[in-house]
Amino acid sequence: MKYSYLTIISLILFTACGNQTEDSTQTDVTIKTTVNTLLNDWHKAASEADYKNYFDKMDRVSVFIGTDATENWTKQDFENYSKPHFDNGKAWDFKVLERNVYLSDSKKLAWFDENLDTKRGTFRGSGVLEKKENTWRIKHYVLSLPVPNEDMAEVVKITKKNDSIFRSKFN
């Protein structure tokens, strides 16, 4: 009887160890490499005006926040805005200067920040990806323009008019 219990417990432990999920067997380095590749391919698709490849990397329910305060787009809104640019073969070309990727304990969420070389200068991107059904998708992306602290007063002067028009929507 004692041996039966030990055998059963051993089989349960052996089975549990053998049924590890893909996420638990992948290393952080492997997952970060996958995320980096997806993001690099996403930026490349924009530079090649490859509409399908670009938007296929975004989740069905995702958000893209651009540099203008009015640019807070659902995926569908962002597709509508972007389609004419892609159709004209002139989307945008962002080259990654550096990127940091972070992972949740579950290894099903990743978030990142990146510095980008663009035709307008250095921009910053940040975002969140989620893994569903073994596929990573971009859920949230924010594109921003870093402003040196010593230039902030001048930038505020420049943006004050449009900022007050935008803010009037909330009063």
Protein backbone atom coordinates (compact mmCIF):
# COMPACT_ATOMS: atom_id res chain seq x y z
CA MET A 1 0.00 0.00 0.00
CA LYS A 2 2.82 2.37 0.95
CA TYR A 3 4.48 1.67 -2.41
CA SER A 4 1.21 2.37 -4.27
CA TYR A 5 0.99 5.85 -2.76
CA LEU A 6 4.63 6.54 -3.59
CA THR A 7 4.08 5.31 -7.14
CA ILE A 8 0.99 7.49 -7.58
CA ILE A 9 2.73 10.56 -6.13
CA SER A 10 5.76 9.91 -8.35
CA LEU A 11 3.55 9.62 -11.44
CA ILE A 12 1.73 12.86 -10.58
CA LEU A 13 5.01 14.73 -10.07
CA PHE A 14 6.50 13.26 -13.24
CA THR A 15 3.42 14.17 -15.26
CA ALA A 16 3.31 17.70 -13.82
CA CYS A 17 6.95 18.27 -14.71
CA GLY A 18 6.40 16.90 -18.21
CA ASN A 19 3.44 19.22 -18.89
CA GLN A 20 5.28 22.51 -18.65
CA THR A 21 3.76 25.20 -20.78
CA GLU A 22 5.70 26.81 -23.60
CA ASP A 23 5.96 30.03 -21.58
CA SER A 24 7.62 28.33 -18.63
CA THR A 25 10.20 26.64 -20.84
CA GLN A 26 11.14 29.76 -22.79
CA THR A 27 13.82 31.91 -21.29
CA ASP A 28 13.44 35.63 -20.81
CA VAL A 29 16.14 36.13 -23.43
CA THR A 30 14.23 34.05 -25.99
CA ILE A 31 10.99 35.92 -25.34
CA LYS A 32 12.70 39.32 -25.48
CA THR A 33 14.32 38.32 -28.77
CA THR A 34 10.89 37.39 -30.15
CA VAL A 35 9.42 40.71 -28.99
CA ASN A 36 12.35 42.67 -30.43
CA THR A 37 12.00 40.87 -33.77
CA LEU A 38 8.26 41.60 -33.90
CA LEU A 39 8.83 45.31 -33.16
CA ASN A 40 11.68 45.56 -35.67
CA ASP A 41 9.49 43.90 -38.32
CA TRP A 42 6.63 46.25 -37.41
CA HIS A 43 8.80 49.33 -37.98
CA LYS A 44 10.20 47.77 -41.16
CA ALA A 45 6.67 47.15 -42.50
CA ALA A 46 5.91 50.86 -42.08
CA SER A 47 9.13 51.85 -43.85
CA GLU A 48 8.16 49.57 -46.76
CA ALA A 49 4.52 50.77 -46.70
CA ASP A 50 3.43 47.17 -46.08
CA TYR A 51 -0.03 47.88 -44.66
CA LYS A 52 -1.09 44.28 -43.98
CA ASN A 53 2.14 43.25 -42.28
CA TYR A 54 2.13 46.42 -40.18
CA PHE A 55 -1.43 46.17 -38.89
CA ASP A 56 -1.36 42.38 -38.46
CA LYS A 57 1.15 42.92 -35.66
CA MET A 58 -1.36 45.01 -33.70
CA ASP A 59 -4.03 43.36 -31.59
CA ARG A 60 -7.65 43.68 -32.73
CA VAL A 61 -8.23 45.82 -29.63
CA SER A 62 -5.21 48.12 -29.57
CA VAL A 63 -4.38 51.79 -29.24
CA PHE A 64 -1.85 54.02 -31.00
CA ILE A 65 -1.09 57.37 -29.38
CA GLY A 66 0.72 59.82 -31.64
CA THR A 67 2.65 62.99 -30.88
CA ASP A 68 -0.33 65.33 -31.26
CA ALA A 69 -2.71 65.49 -28.29
CA THR A 70 -5.61 64.58 -30.61
CA GLU A 71 -3.92 61.37 -31.79
CA ASN A 72 -5.38 58.77 -29.45
CA TRP A 73 -6.51 56.16 -31.95
CA THR A 74 -8.15 52.77 -31.76
CA LYS A 75 -6.67 50.32 -34.22
CA GLN A 76 -9.50 51.01 -36.67
CA ASP A 77 -9.05 54.80 -36.37
CA PHE A 78 -5.31 54.43 -36.86
CA GLU A 79 -5.84 52.19 -39.90
CA ASN A 80 -8.19 54.79 -41.41
CA TYR A 81 -5.65 57.56 -40.83
CA SER A 82 -2.71 55.49 -42.10
CA LYS A 83 -4.22 53.81 -45.18
CA PRO A 84 -3.67 56.73 -47.59
CA HIS A 85 0.00 57.00 -46.48
CA PHE A 86 0.57 53.28 -47.03
CA ASP A 87 -1.32 53.36 -50.34
CA ASN A 88 0.96 56.19 -51.53
CA GLY A 89 4.01 54.13 -50.54
CA LYS A 90 5.05 56.80 -48.04
CA ALA A 91 4.45 55.65 -44.49
CA TRP A 92 7.13 56.39 -41.89
CA ASP A 93 10.63 55.09 -41.32
CA PHE A 94 11.71 54.62 -37.71
CA LYS A 95 15.10 53.09 -36.97
CA VAL A 96 15.66 51.80 -33.45
CA LEU A 97 18.61 53.38 -31.67
CA GLU A 98 18.01 51.43 -28.45
CA ARG A 99 15.21 49.46 -26.85
CA ASN A 100 14.49 48.00 -23.41
CA VAL A 101 12.02 45.12 -23.08
CA TYR A 102 10.46 43.98 -19.81
CA LEU A 103 8.35 40.89 -19.05
CA SER A 104 5.59 40.08 -16.59
CA ASP A 105 5.99 37.08 -14.30
CA SER A 106 3.45 35.20 -16.42
CA LYS A 107 5.53 35.92 -19.55
CA LYS A 108 2.32 36.81 -21.38
CA LEU A 109 2.81 40.59 -21.17
CA ALA A 110 5.79 42.58 -22.36
CA TRP A 111 6.36 46.31 -22.27
CA PHE A 112 9.13 48.35 -23.80
CA ASP A 113 10.61 51.76 -24.38
CA GLU A 114 12.68 52.71 -27.38
CA ASN A 115 14.58 55.64 -28.84
CA LEU A 116 14.03 56.06 -32.56
CA ASP A 117 15.90 57.78 -35.36
CA THR A 118 13.37 59.45 -37.66
CA LYS A 119 13.57 62.00 -40.47
CA ARG A 120 12.35 64.56 -37.90
CA GLY A 121 14.99 63.66 -35.30
CA THR A 122 14.99 61.44 -32.23
CA PHE A 123 11.57 60.23 -31.12
CA ARG A 124 10.61 57.88 -28.34
CA GLY A 125 8.23 54.95 -28.46
CA SER A 126 6.81 52.84 -25.68
CA GLY A 127 4.21 50.16 -25.60
CA VAL A 128 2.70 46.94 -24.36
CA LEU A 129 2.41 43.57 -26.07
CA GLU A 130 0.31 40.59 -25.07
CA LYS A 131 0.77 36.94 -25.95
CA LYS A 132 -2.47 35.14 -26.81
CA GLU A 133 -2.64 31.70 -28.40
CA ASN A 134 1.16 31.65 -28.85
CA THR A 135 1.16 34.94 -30.79
CA TRP A 136 2.48 38.28 -29.59
CA ARG A 137 0.48 41.37 -30.58
CA ILE A 138 0.97 45.06 -29.90
CA LYS A 139 -1.79 46.27 -27.58
CA HIS A 140 -0.69 49.83 -26.91
CA TYR A 141 1.90 52.12 -28.50
CA VAL A 142 2.85 55.67 -27.62
CA LEU A 143 5.01 57.80 -29.90
CA SER A 144 6.50 60.87 -28.27
CA LEU A 145 9.03 63.57 -28.86
CA PRO A 146 11.53 64.02 -26.04
CA VAL A 147 12.05 67.68 -25.19
CA PRO A 148 15.20 68.77 -23.35
CA ASN A 149 14.31 70.43 -20.06
CA GLU A 150 16.14 73.62 -21.00
CA ASP A 151 13.91 73.94 -24.12
CA MET A 152 10.61 73.22 -22.37
CA ALA A 153 9.59 76.86 -21.83
CA GLU A 154 10.00 77.60 -25.54
CA VAL A 155 8.06 74.46 -26.53
CA VAL A 156 5.22 75.38 -24.15
CA LYS A 157 4.98 78.81 -25.82
CA ILE A 158 4.77 77.15 -29.24
CA THR A 159 2.12 74.62 -28.22
CA LYS A 160 0.06 76.88 -25.94
CA LYS A 161 -2.52 77.92 -28.57
CA ASN A 162 -3.28 74.39 -29.79
CA ASP A 163 -3.10 73.04 -26.26
CA SER A 164 -5.79 75.45 -25.09
CA ILE A 165 -8.02 74.48 -28.04
CA PHE A 166 -7.55 70.80 -27.20
CA ARG A 167 -8.16 71.34 -23.48
CA SER A 168 -11.37 73.27 -24.15
CA LYS A 169 -13.00 69.94 -25.02
CA PHE A 170 -12.73 68.93 -21.37
CA ASN A 171 -14.24 72.05 -19.77
